[in-house]
Amino acid sequence: MKRMPPARRGRKRLLALCCLGLALTCAPIAANPLQPQAPAVNGPKGRETGLAVPRFVSLRSKEARMRVGPSLDYGTLWIYRVAGLPLEITAEYGNWRQVRDSDGVSGWMHRALLASKRTALVGPWITKPVAIRAAPGTSTTILARLSPRVRLAVHSCDGDWCHVDVTEHHLEGFVRQSALWGVYPNETIK
């Protein structure tokens, strides 16, 4: 990720940007943004799509700009250069989605940059390598050990274990769901 400097703007636009920035920083965030928090059952729906908010998606594009606000008129906060990176949608506004990454960084991306394909990262909060196993369960064969932030494609989750494959390494197996950022605790994915 590369940090981009804020663009120069006129006084009116700068004032609007500051007001939006203040509103974004005052919004409640999770106590630990690294570990996903389970959304409320029958929780809020997005005002544009009617889908659950929050929800996880992945980055569709190899290069995507996270902006300060929901428009091309707003400056770029970050440029992401990893297709398939998991992001959490926390709000919707027109064609724009407020997203948060695994480090807790929040900003706005156009919906065309996001895909519903589920991916995950081995949790950034993990201090020891995580086992990927041949089958769900702690007594099954360990195929490999994964470091924090390894990116995975998620095929399914049963609430305890997720069937995943390690992106671009031809390694498929099962990882404990609690060790992943990109799926909620106890979430089932078919």
N, C-alpha and C. Protein backbone atom coordinates (compact mmCIF):
# COMPACT_ATOMS: atom_id res chain seq x y z
N MET A 1 0.84 -1.17 0.00
CA MET A 1 0.00 0.00 0.00
C MET A 1 0.89 1.24 0.00
N LYS A 2 0.47 2.24 -0.70
CA LYS A 2 1.24 3.47 -0.81
C LYS A 2 0.37 4.62 -0.35
N ARG A 3 0.88 5.42 0.57
CA ARG A 3 0.14 6.55 1.07
C ARG A 3 0.24 7.68 0.06
N MET A 4 -0.91 8.31 -0.23
CA MET A 4 -0.94 9.40 -1.19
C MET A 4 -1.17 10.71 -0.45
N PRO A 5 -0.48 11.78 -0.84
CA PRO A 5 -0.71 13.07 -0.19
C PRO A 5 -2.08 13.62 -0.55
N PRO A 6 -2.69 14.41 0.36
CA PRO A 6 -3.99 15.00 0.05
C PRO A 6 -3.88 15.99 -1.11
N ALA A 7 -4.90 16.01 -1.93
CA ALA A 7 -4.93 16.92 -3.07
C ALA A 7 -5.22 18.34 -2.59
N ARG A 8 -4.72 19.33 -3.36
CA ARG A 8 -5.01 20.73 -3.03
C ARG A 8 -6.42 21.06 -3.45
N ARG A 9 -7.13 21.78 -2.64
CA ARG A 9 -8.52 22.10 -2.91
C ARG A 9 -8.79 23.56 -2.53
N GLY A 10 -9.88 24.09 -3.08
CA GLY A 10 -10.32 25.43 -2.70
C GLY A 10 -10.84 25.44 -1.27
N ARG A 11 -11.08 26.65 -0.72
CA ARG A 11 -11.52 26.77 0.67
C ARG A 11 -12.83 26.04 0.94
N LYS A 12 -13.82 26.18 0.05
CA LYS A 12 -15.11 25.52 0.28
C LYS A 12 -14.95 24.01 0.30
N ARG A 13 -14.22 23.48 -0.66
CA ARG A 13 -14.05 22.04 -0.74
C ARG A 13 -13.26 21.53 0.47
N LEU A 14 -12.26 22.28 0.91
CA LEU A 14 -11.47 21.90 2.08
C LEU A 14 -12.35 21.88 3.32
N LEU A 15 -13.25 22.85 3.47
CA LEU A 15 -14.15 22.88 4.61
C LEU A 15 -15.07 21.67 4.59
N ALA A 16 -15.61 21.34 3.42
CA ALA A 16 -16.48 20.16 3.31
C ALA A 16 -15.70 18.89 3.63
N LEU A 17 -14.46 18.82 3.18
CA LEU A 17 -13.62 17.66 3.45
C LEU A 17 -13.36 17.53 4.95
N CYS A 18 -13.06 18.64 5.60
CA CYS A 18 -12.81 18.61 7.04
C CYS A 18 -14.05 18.17 7.81
N CYS A 19 -15.22 18.66 7.40
CA CYS A 19 -16.46 18.28 8.08
C CYS A 19 -16.73 16.79 7.91
N LEU A 20 -16.51 16.26 6.71
CA LEU A 20 -16.71 14.84 6.50
C LEU A 20 -15.70 14.05 7.31
N GLY A 21 -14.44 14.48 7.33
CA GLY A 21 -13.40 13.81 8.11
C GLY A 21 -13.76 13.76 9.58
N LEU A 22 -14.32 14.86 10.10
CA LEU A 22 -14.76 14.90 11.48
C LEU A 22 -15.89 13.91 11.71
N ALA A 23 -16.83 13.84 10.78
CA ALA A 23 -17.94 12.89 10.91
C ALA A 23 -17.43 11.45 10.88
N LEU A 24 -16.45 11.16 10.02
CA LEU A 24 -15.93 9.80 9.94
C LEU A 24 -15.16 9.42 11.18
N THR A 25 -14.40 10.36 11.77
CA THR A 25 -13.64 10.02 12.96
C THR A 25 -14.52 9.91 14.18
N CYS A 26 -15.70 10.49 14.16
CA CYS A 26 -16.61 10.40 15.29
C CYS A 26 -17.47 9.15 15.24
N ALA A 27 -17.47 8.46 14.10
CA ALA A 27 -18.27 7.24 13.98
C ALA A 27 -17.71 6.17 14.90
N PRO A 28 -18.58 5.36 15.52
CA PRO A 28 -18.08 4.33 16.42
C PRO A 28 -17.33 3.25 15.63
N ILE A 29 -16.22 2.78 16.21
CA ILE A 29 -15.49 1.68 15.60
C ILE A 29 -15.33 0.59 16.64
N ALA A 30 -15.00 -0.60 16.18
CA ALA A 30 -14.84 -1.74 17.08
C ALA A 30 -13.68 -1.48 18.03
N ALA A 31 -13.75 -2.08 19.23
CA ALA A 31 -12.69 -1.91 20.21
C ALA A 31 -11.35 -2.39 19.65
N ASN A 32 -11.34 -3.47 18.88
CA ASN A 32 -10.14 -3.95 18.23
C ASN A 32 -10.48 -4.17 16.76
N PRO A 33 -10.16 -3.21 15.89
CA PRO A 33 -10.59 -3.32 14.50
C PRO A 33 -9.93 -4.46 13.76
N LEU A 34 -8.87 -5.07 14.30
CA LEU A 34 -8.22 -6.16 13.62
C LEU A 34 -9.06 -7.44 13.65
N GLN A 35 -9.65 -7.75 14.78
CA GLN A 35 -10.46 -8.96 14.88
C GLN A 35 -11.89 -8.63 14.50
N PRO A 36 -12.46 -9.38 13.53
CA PRO A 36 -13.83 -9.08 13.10
C PRO A 36 -14.83 -9.33 14.22
N GLN A 37 -15.80 -8.45 14.33
CA GLN A 37 -16.87 -8.57 15.30
C GLN A 37 -18.10 -9.10 14.61
N ALA A 38 -18.78 -10.05 15.20
CA ALA A 38 -19.97 -10.62 14.58
C ALA A 38 -21.05 -9.55 14.45
N PRO A 39 -21.65 -9.41 13.25
CA PRO A 39 -22.74 -8.45 13.08
C PRO A 39 -23.98 -8.93 13.80
N ALA A 40 -24.85 -8.01 14.14
CA ALA A 40 -26.10 -8.36 14.81
C ALA A 40 -26.97 -9.22 13.89
N VAL A 41 -27.59 -10.23 14.46
CA VAL A 41 -28.51 -11.06 13.69
C VAL A 41 -29.67 -10.17 13.26
N ASN A 42 -30.06 -10.28 12.00
CA ASN A 42 -31.09 -9.40 11.43
C ASN A 42 -30.72 -7.94 11.65
N GLY A 43 -29.43 -7.64 11.52
CA GLY A 43 -28.92 -6.29 11.74
C GLY A 43 -29.28 -5.36 10.61
N PRO A 44 -28.64 -4.19 10.58
CA PRO A 44 -28.97 -3.17 9.58
C PRO A 44 -28.66 -3.64 8.16
N LYS A 45 -29.40 -3.09 7.24
CA LYS A 45 -29.21 -3.37 5.81
C LYS A 45 -28.69 -2.11 5.14
N GLY A 46 -27.92 -2.31 4.08
CA GLY A 46 -27.41 -1.17 3.32
C GLY A 46 -28.54 -0.43 2.64
N ARG A 47 -28.47 0.89 2.65
CA ARG A 47 -29.57 1.69 2.09
C ARG A 47 -29.61 1.64 0.57
N GLU A 48 -28.52 1.21 -0.06
CA GLU A 48 -28.49 1.13 -1.52
C GLU A 48 -28.77 -0.29 -2.03
N THR A 49 -28.19 -1.30 -1.38
CA THR A 49 -28.28 -2.67 -1.89
C THR A 49 -29.27 -3.53 -1.12
N GLY A 50 -29.58 -3.17 0.11
CA GLY A 50 -30.43 -4.01 0.95
C GLY A 50 -29.67 -5.20 1.53
N LEU A 51 -28.36 -5.28 1.29
CA LEU A 51 -27.54 -6.34 1.85
C LEU A 51 -27.09 -5.96 3.25
N ALA A 52 -26.68 -6.96 4.02
CA ALA A 52 -26.26 -6.72 5.41
C ALA A 52 -25.08 -5.75 5.46
N VAL A 53 -25.08 -4.90 6.45
CA VAL A 53 -23.97 -4.00 6.74
C VAL A 53 -23.72 -4.10 8.23
N PRO A 54 -22.53 -4.50 8.67
CA PRO A 54 -21.33 -4.72 7.87
C PRO A 54 -21.36 -6.08 7.17
N ARG A 55 -20.49 -6.20 6.14
CA ARG A 55 -20.28 -7.46 5.43
C ARG A 55 -18.90 -7.43 4.79
N PHE A 56 -18.37 -8.61 4.53
CA PHE A 56 -17.05 -8.71 3.90
C PHE A 56 -17.18 -8.87 2.39
N VAL A 57 -16.25 -8.26 1.68
CA VAL A 57 -16.12 -8.38 0.22
C VAL A 57 -14.61 -8.48 -0.06
N SER A 58 -14.26 -8.53 -1.34
CA SER A 58 -12.84 -8.54 -1.69
C SER A 58 -12.59 -7.48 -2.76
N LEU A 59 -11.35 -7.13 -2.88
CA LEU A 59 -10.93 -6.14 -3.87
C LEU A 59 -10.88 -6.79 -5.24
N ARG A 60 -11.62 -6.24 -6.19
CA ARG A 60 -11.70 -6.80 -7.54
C ARG A 60 -10.49 -6.39 -8.39
N SER A 61 -10.05 -5.20 -8.19
CA SER A 61 -9.05 -4.58 -9.05
C SER A 61 -7.63 -4.76 -8.50
N LYS A 62 -6.65 -4.77 -9.40
CA LYS A 62 -5.25 -4.83 -8.97
C LYS A 62 -4.77 -3.48 -8.43
N GLU A 63 -5.50 -2.43 -8.74
CA GLU A 63 -5.18 -1.12 -8.20
C GLU A 63 -6.48 -0.41 -7.87
N ALA A 64 -6.62 0.00 -6.62
CA ALA A 64 -7.85 0.64 -6.18
C ALA A 64 -7.52 1.76 -5.21
N ARG A 65 -8.19 2.88 -5.37
CA ARG A 65 -7.98 4.03 -4.50
C ARG A 65 -9.05 4.06 -3.40
N MET A 66 -8.57 4.19 -2.17
CA MET A 66 -9.47 4.45 -1.05
C MET A 66 -9.50 5.96 -0.88
N ARG A 67 -10.70 6.53 -0.90
CA ARG A 67 -10.84 7.98 -0.85
C ARG A 67 -11.37 8.45 0.50
N VAL A 68 -11.18 9.72 0.76
CA VAL A 68 -11.63 10.34 2.00
C VAL A 68 -13.15 10.36 2.09
N GLY A 69 -13.82 10.55 0.96
CA GLY A 69 -15.28 10.63 0.92
C GLY A 69 -15.84 9.90 -0.29
N PRO A 70 -17.17 9.84 -0.38
CA PRO A 70 -17.83 9.06 -1.44
C PRO A 70 -17.98 9.80 -2.77
N SER A 71 -16.86 10.15 -3.39
CA SER A 71 -16.88 10.83 -4.69
C SER A 71 -15.46 10.92 -5.21
N LEU A 72 -15.32 11.05 -6.53
CA LEU A 72 -14.00 11.25 -7.12
C LEU A 72 -13.43 12.62 -6.76
N ASP A 73 -14.27 13.52 -6.25
CA ASP A 73 -13.81 14.84 -5.83
C ASP A 73 -12.97 14.80 -4.56
N TYR A 74 -13.05 13.70 -3.81
CA TYR A 74 -12.31 13.57 -2.56
C TYR A 74 -10.92 13.00 -2.83
N GLY A 75 -10.00 13.40 -1.98
CA GLY A 75 -8.62 12.96 -2.12
C GLY A 75 -8.44 11.47 -1.83
N THR A 76 -7.32 10.95 -2.29
CA THR A 76 -6.96 9.56 -2.09
C THR A 76 -6.23 9.39 -0.77
N LEU A 77 -6.69 8.44 0.05
CA LEU A 77 -6.00 8.11 1.29
C LEU A 77 -4.92 7.07 1.05
N TRP A 78 -5.32 6.00 0.34
CA TRP A 78 -4.43 4.87 0.08
C TRP A 78 -4.68 4.35 -1.33
N ILE A 79 -3.65 3.73 -1.89
CA ILE A 79 -3.81 2.97 -3.12
C ILE A 79 -3.49 1.53 -2.78
N TYR A 80 -4.45 0.64 -3.01
CA TYR A 80 -4.26 -0.79 -2.76
C TYR A 80 -3.86 -1.44 -4.08
N ARG A 81 -2.89 -2.34 -4.02
CA ARG A 81 -2.37 -2.97 -5.23
C ARG A 81 -2.39 -4.49 -5.12
N VAL A 82 -3.39 -5.03 -4.46
CA VAL A 82 -3.51 -6.47 -4.28
C VAL A 82 -4.95 -6.88 -4.56
N ALA A 83 -5.19 -7.47 -5.72
CA ALA A 83 -6.53 -7.98 -6.02
C ALA A 83 -6.82 -9.14 -5.06
N GLY A 84 -8.06 -9.22 -4.60
CA GLY A 84 -8.45 -10.29 -3.69
C GLY A 84 -8.29 -9.96 -2.22
N LEU A 85 -7.85 -8.78 -1.90
CA LEU A 85 -7.70 -8.38 -0.51
C LEU A 85 -9.07 -8.27 0.14
N PRO A 86 -9.29 -8.87 1.32
CA PRO A 86 -10.60 -8.74 1.97
C PRO A 86 -10.79 -7.35 2.57
N LEU A 87 -12.00 -6.83 2.44
CA LEU A 87 -12.39 -5.54 3.02
C LEU A 87 -13.76 -5.70 3.65
N GLU A 88 -14.05 -4.89 4.65
CA GLU A 88 -15.35 -4.93 5.31
C GLU A 88 -16.13 -3.68 4.94
N ILE A 89 -17.31 -3.86 4.35
CA ILE A 89 -18.18 -2.72 4.04
C ILE A 89 -18.91 -2.33 5.32
N THR A 90 -18.82 -1.05 5.68
CA THR A 90 -19.46 -0.55 6.89
C THR A 90 -20.59 0.44 6.61
N ALA A 91 -20.67 0.95 5.37
CA ALA A 91 -21.74 1.88 5.00
C ALA A 91 -21.85 1.95 3.48
N GLU A 92 -23.00 2.42 3.00
CA GLU A 92 -23.24 2.57 1.56
C GLU A 92 -23.78 3.97 1.30
N TYR A 93 -23.35 4.56 0.19
CA TYR A 93 -23.85 5.85 -0.24
C TYR A 93 -23.80 5.89 -1.75
N GLY A 94 -24.93 5.77 -2.41
CA GLY A 94 -24.96 5.72 -3.87
C GLY A 94 -24.13 4.55 -4.38
N ASN A 95 -23.20 4.83 -5.28
CA ASN A 95 -22.32 3.79 -5.81
C ASN A 95 -21.05 3.62 -4.99
N TRP A 96 -20.99 4.24 -3.83
CA TRP A 96 -19.80 4.22 -2.99
C TRP A 96 -20.02 3.37 -1.75
N ARG A 97 -18.96 2.70 -1.31
CA ARG A 97 -19.00 1.87 -0.12
C ARG A 97 -17.90 2.32 0.83
N GLN A 98 -18.29 2.54 2.08
CA GLN A 98 -17.29 2.82 3.09
C GLN A 98 -16.72 1.47 3.51
N VAL A 99 -15.41 1.33 3.43
CA VAL A 99 -14.77 0.06 3.72
C VAL A 99 -13.70 0.23 4.79
N ARG A 100 -13.38 -0.90 5.42
CA ARG A 100 -12.33 -0.93 6.44
C ARG A 100 -11.43 -2.11 6.12
N ASP A 101 -10.11 -1.91 6.23
CA ASP A 101 -9.19 -3.01 5.97
C ASP A 101 -8.78 -3.69 7.28
N SER A 102 -7.92 -4.68 7.19
CA SER A 102 -7.54 -5.47 8.37
C SER A 102 -6.75 -4.67 9.39
N ASP A 103 -6.22 -3.52 9.01
CA ASP A 103 -5.51 -2.65 9.95
C ASP A 103 -6.43 -1.62 10.61
N GLY A 104 -7.71 -1.62 10.22
CA GLY A 104 -8.66 -0.67 10.79
C GLY A 104 -8.74 0.63 10.02
N VAL A 105 -8.03 0.74 8.89
CA VAL A 105 -8.07 1.95 8.06
C VAL A 105 -9.40 1.98 7.32
N SER A 106 -10.08 3.11 7.38
CA SER A 106 -11.41 3.24 6.80
C SER A 106 -11.44 4.38 5.78
N GLY A 107 -12.18 4.15 4.69
CA GLY A 107 -12.35 5.15 3.66
C GLY A 107 -13.42 4.68 2.69
N TRP A 108 -13.51 5.34 1.53
CA TRP A 108 -14.57 5.06 0.57
C TRP A 108 -14.00 4.51 -0.74
N MET A 109 -14.68 3.51 -1.31
CA MET A 109 -14.32 2.96 -2.62
C MET A 109 -15.57 2.82 -3.47
N HIS A 110 -15.40 2.98 -4.77
CA HIS A 110 -16.51 2.78 -5.70
C HIS A 110 -16.85 1.30 -5.74
N ARG A 111 -18.13 1.00 -5.87
CA ARG A 111 -18.59 -0.40 -5.83
C ARG A 111 -17.99 -1.24 -6.94
N ALA A 112 -17.62 -0.64 -8.08
CA ALA A 112 -17.03 -1.38 -9.19
C ALA A 112 -15.67 -1.98 -8.82
N LEU A 113 -15.02 -1.47 -7.78
CA LEU A 113 -13.72 -1.98 -7.35
C LEU A 113 -13.84 -3.18 -6.42
N LEU A 114 -15.08 -3.52 -6.02
CA LEU A 114 -15.30 -4.57 -5.02
C LEU A 114 -16.03 -5.76 -5.61
N ALA A 115 -15.73 -6.95 -5.09
CA ALA A 115 -16.38 -8.18 -5.55
C ALA A 115 -16.96 -8.93 -4.36
N SER A 116 -18.00 -9.69 -4.59
CA SER A 116 -18.62 -10.45 -3.51
C SER A 116 -17.86 -11.74 -3.19
N LYS A 117 -16.85 -12.09 -4.00
CA LYS A 117 -16.05 -13.29 -3.75
C LYS A 117 -15.37 -13.15 -2.39
N ARG A 118 -15.49 -14.20 -1.56
CA ARG A 118 -14.96 -14.12 -0.20
C ARG A 118 -13.50 -14.55 -0.15
N THR A 119 -12.72 -13.74 0.49
CA THR A 119 -11.32 -14.02 0.77
C THR A 119 -11.07 -13.70 2.23
N ALA A 120 -9.92 -14.09 2.73
CA ALA A 120 -9.58 -13.81 4.12
C ALA A 120 -8.07 -13.71 4.25
N LEU A 121 -7.65 -13.16 5.37
CA LEU A 121 -6.24 -13.13 5.74
C LEU A 121 -6.08 -13.92 7.02
N VAL A 122 -4.95 -14.61 7.17
CA VAL A 122 -4.64 -15.15 8.49
C VAL A 122 -4.51 -13.91 9.37
N GLY A 123 -5.19 -13.93 10.50
CA GLY A 123 -5.32 -12.75 11.35
C GLY A 123 -4.03 -12.02 11.66
N PRO A 124 -4.01 -10.71 11.46
CA PRO A 124 -2.82 -9.91 11.78
C PRO A 124 -2.50 -9.93 13.26
N TRP A 125 -3.44 -10.30 14.12
CA TRP A 125 -3.24 -10.36 15.56
C TRP A 125 -2.58 -11.67 15.99
N ILE A 126 -2.47 -12.63 15.06
CA ILE A 126 -1.91 -13.95 15.36
C ILE A 126 -0.40 -13.80 15.60
N THR A 127 0.11 -14.45 16.65
CA THR A 127 1.53 -14.35 16.97
C THR A 127 2.32 -15.58 16.57
N LYS A 128 1.65 -16.72 16.35
CA LYS A 128 2.32 -17.96 15.94
C LYS A 128 1.69 -18.44 14.64
N PRO A 129 2.44 -19.16 13.83
CA PRO A 129 1.88 -19.69 12.58
C PRO A 129 0.62 -20.53 12.84
N VAL A 130 -0.32 -20.46 11.89
CA VAL A 130 -1.61 -21.15 11.99
C VAL A 130 -1.57 -22.38 11.09
N ALA A 131 -2.07 -23.49 11.60
CA ALA A 131 -2.07 -24.74 10.83
C ALA A 131 -3.19 -24.74 9.79
N ILE A 132 -2.85 -25.18 8.58
CA ILE A 132 -3.86 -25.50 7.58
C ILE A 132 -3.88 -27.03 7.55
N ARG A 133 -5.07 -27.60 7.74
CA ARG A 133 -5.20 -29.04 7.94
C ARG A 133 -5.91 -29.72 6.77
N ALA A 134 -5.72 -31.02 6.67
CA ALA A 134 -6.32 -31.82 5.60
C ALA A 134 -7.83 -31.92 5.75
N ALA A 135 -8.34 -31.84 6.97
CA ALA A 135 -9.78 -31.92 7.25
C ALA A 135 -10.05 -31.07 8.49
N PRO A 136 -11.32 -30.69 8.72
CA PRO A 136 -11.61 -29.91 9.92
C PRO A 136 -11.35 -30.74 11.18
N GLY A 137 -10.77 -30.12 12.18
CA GLY A 137 -10.50 -30.81 13.45
C GLY A 137 -9.05 -30.67 13.84
N THR A 138 -8.80 -30.63 15.13
CA THR A 138 -7.44 -30.42 15.64
C THR A 138 -6.58 -31.68 15.59
N SER A 139 -7.17 -32.84 15.36
CA SER A 139 -6.38 -34.07 15.32
C SER A 139 -6.08 -34.54 13.89
N THR A 140 -6.41 -33.74 12.89
CA THR A 140 -6.16 -34.11 11.50
C THR A 140 -4.77 -33.66 11.06
N THR A 141 -4.33 -34.16 9.94
CA THR A 141 -2.98 -33.90 9.42
C THR A 141 -2.77 -32.42 9.12
N ILE A 142 -1.64 -31.90 9.57
CA ILE A 142 -1.26 -30.52 9.28
C ILE A 142 -0.53 -30.51 7.93
N LEU A 143 -1.06 -29.74 6.98
CA LEU A 143 -0.44 -29.64 5.65
C LEU A 143 0.66 -28.60 5.61
N ALA A 144 0.47 -27.51 6.35
CA ALA A 144 1.45 -26.41 6.39
C ALA A 144 1.09 -25.50 7.55
N ARG A 145 1.97 -24.58 7.84
CA ARG A 145 1.70 -23.55 8.84
C ARG A 145 1.79 -22.20 8.13
N LEU A 146 0.79 -21.36 8.39
CA LEU A 146 0.67 -20.08 7.69
C LEU A 146 0.99 -18.92 8.62
N SER A 147 1.74 -17.97 8.11
CA SER A 147 2.08 -16.76 8.86
C SER A 147 0.93 -15.78 8.83
N PRO A 148 0.93 -14.81 9.75
CA PRO A 148 -0.10 -13.76 9.72
C PRO A 148 -0.11 -13.05 8.37
N ARG A 149 -1.29 -12.64 7.95
CA ARG A 149 -1.55 -11.87 6.73
C ARG A 149 -1.44 -12.67 5.43
N VAL A 150 -1.30 -14.00 5.52
CA VAL A 150 -1.34 -14.80 4.30
C VAL A 150 -2.77 -14.72 3.75
N ARG A 151 -2.89 -14.46 2.44
CA ARG A 151 -4.20 -14.30 1.81
C ARG A 151 -4.74 -15.65 1.37
N LEU A 152 -6.04 -15.87 1.63
CA LEU A 152 -6.71 -17.13 1.33
C LEU A 152 -7.99 -16.90 0.56
N ALA A 153 -8.34 -17.82 -0.33
CA ALA A 153 -9.66 -17.83 -0.96
C ALA A 153 -10.54 -18.70 -0.06
N VAL A 154 -11.73 -18.20 0.27
CA VAL A 154 -12.64 -18.93 1.16
C VAL A 154 -13.69 -19.65 0.32
N HIS A 155 -13.75 -20.97 0.46
CA HIS A 155 -14.75 -21.77 -0.26
C HIS A 155 -16.01 -21.94 0.57
N SER A 156 -15.84 -22.24 1.87
CA SER A 156 -16.99 -22.42 2.77
C SER A 156 -16.51 -22.33 4.21
N CYS A 157 -17.45 -22.06 5.11
CA CYS A 157 -17.18 -22.04 6.55
C CYS A 157 -18.39 -22.65 7.25
N ASP A 158 -18.13 -23.41 8.32
CA ASP A 158 -19.23 -24.04 9.07
C ASP A 158 -19.47 -23.39 10.43
N GLY A 159 -18.77 -22.32 10.72
CA GLY A 159 -18.90 -21.66 12.02
C GLY A 159 -17.68 -21.90 12.90
N ASP A 160 -16.96 -23.00 12.65
CA ASP A 160 -15.72 -23.31 13.39
C ASP A 160 -14.51 -23.41 12.47
N TRP A 161 -14.70 -24.00 11.29
CA TRP A 161 -13.62 -24.24 10.34
C TRP A 161 -14.00 -23.69 8.98
N CYS A 162 -12.99 -23.19 8.25
CA CYS A 162 -13.21 -22.71 6.89
C CYS A 162 -12.38 -23.54 5.91
N HIS A 163 -13.02 -23.93 4.82
CA HIS A 163 -12.34 -24.61 3.73
C HIS A 163 -11.75 -23.52 2.84
N VAL A 164 -10.43 -23.51 2.72
CA VAL A 164 -9.73 -22.42 2.04
C VAL A 164 -8.66 -22.97 1.10
N ASP A 165 -8.18 -22.09 0.23
CA ASP A 165 -6.93 -22.42 -0.46
C ASP A 165 -6.03 -21.20 -0.43
N VAL A 166 -4.73 -21.49 -0.37
CA VAL A 166 -3.74 -20.43 -0.30
C VAL A 166 -3.58 -19.88 -1.71
N THR A 167 -3.87 -18.61 -1.87
CA THR A 167 -3.85 -17.97 -3.17
C THR A 167 -2.51 -18.18 -3.87
N GLU A 168 -2.56 -18.69 -5.10
CA GLU A 168 -1.41 -18.88 -5.97
C GLU A 168 -0.39 -19.91 -5.47
N HIS A 169 -0.76 -20.80 -4.55
CA HIS A 169 0.20 -21.79 -4.06
C HIS A 169 -0.33 -23.23 -4.14
N HIS A 170 -1.47 -23.46 -4.73
CA HIS A 170 -2.02 -24.81 -4.92
C HIS A 170 -2.06 -25.61 -3.61
N LEU A 171 -2.42 -24.95 -2.54
CA LEU A 171 -2.55 -25.60 -1.24
C LEU A 171 -3.97 -25.38 -0.74
N GLU A 172 -4.69 -26.46 -0.52
CA GLU A 172 -6.09 -26.38 -0.10
C GLU A 172 -6.26 -27.16 1.20
N GLY A 173 -7.06 -26.62 2.12
CA GLY A 173 -7.28 -27.30 3.38
C GLY A 173 -8.25 -26.54 4.26
N PHE A 174 -8.14 -26.75 5.56
CA PHE A 174 -9.06 -26.18 6.53
C PHE A 174 -8.30 -25.40 7.60
N VAL A 175 -8.82 -24.22 7.92
CA VAL A 175 -8.23 -23.34 8.93
C VAL A 175 -9.32 -22.98 9.92
N ARG A 176 -8.94 -22.89 11.20
CA ARG A 176 -9.90 -22.45 12.22
C ARG A 176 -10.44 -21.07 11.86
N GLN A 177 -11.74 -20.92 11.93
CA GLN A 177 -12.39 -19.68 11.53
C GLN A 177 -11.95 -18.51 12.41
N SER A 178 -11.69 -18.76 13.68
CA SER A 178 -11.30 -17.69 14.61
C SER A 178 -9.92 -17.11 14.29
N ALA A 179 -9.15 -17.76 13.41
CA ALA A 179 -7.82 -17.28 13.05
C ALA A 179 -7.83 -16.43 11.79
N LEU A 180 -9.03 -16.14 11.24
CA LEU A 180 -9.12 -15.44 9.96
C LEU A 180 -9.75 -14.06 10.08
N TRP A 181 -9.24 -13.11 9.30
CA TRP A 181 -9.87 -11.81 9.12
C TRP A 181 -10.45 -11.82 7.72
N GLY A 182 -11.78 -11.68 7.64
CA GLY A 182 -12.49 -11.74 6.37
C GLY A 182 -13.74 -12.59 6.49
N VAL A 183 -13.90 -13.23 7.63
CA VAL A 183 -15.12 -13.97 7.97
C VAL A 183 -15.47 -13.62 9.41
N TYR A 184 -16.76 -13.61 9.70
CA TYR A 184 -17.19 -13.29 11.07
C TYR A 184 -17.20 -14.53 11.94
N PRO A 185 -17.05 -14.36 13.25
CA PRO A 185 -17.16 -15.51 14.15
C PRO A 185 -18.52 -16.19 13.97
N ASN A 186 -18.52 -17.50 13.91
CA ASN A 186 -19.73 -18.33 13.79
C ASN A 186 -20.49 -18.14 12.47
N GLU A 187 -19.94 -17.41 11.51
CA GLU A 187 -20.60 -17.22 10.22
C GLU A 187 -20.51 -18.51 9.40
N THR A 188 -21.60 -18.85 8.73
CA THR A 188 -21.56 -19.99 7.82
C THR A 188 -21.57 -19.46 6.38
N ILE A 189 -20.72 -20.05 5.57
CA ILE A 189 -20.60 -19.68 4.16
C ILE A 189 -20.72 -20.97 3.37
N LYS A 190 -21.62 -20.99 2.42
CA LYS A 190 -21.82 -22.19 1.59
C LYS A 190 -21.27 -21.96 0.22
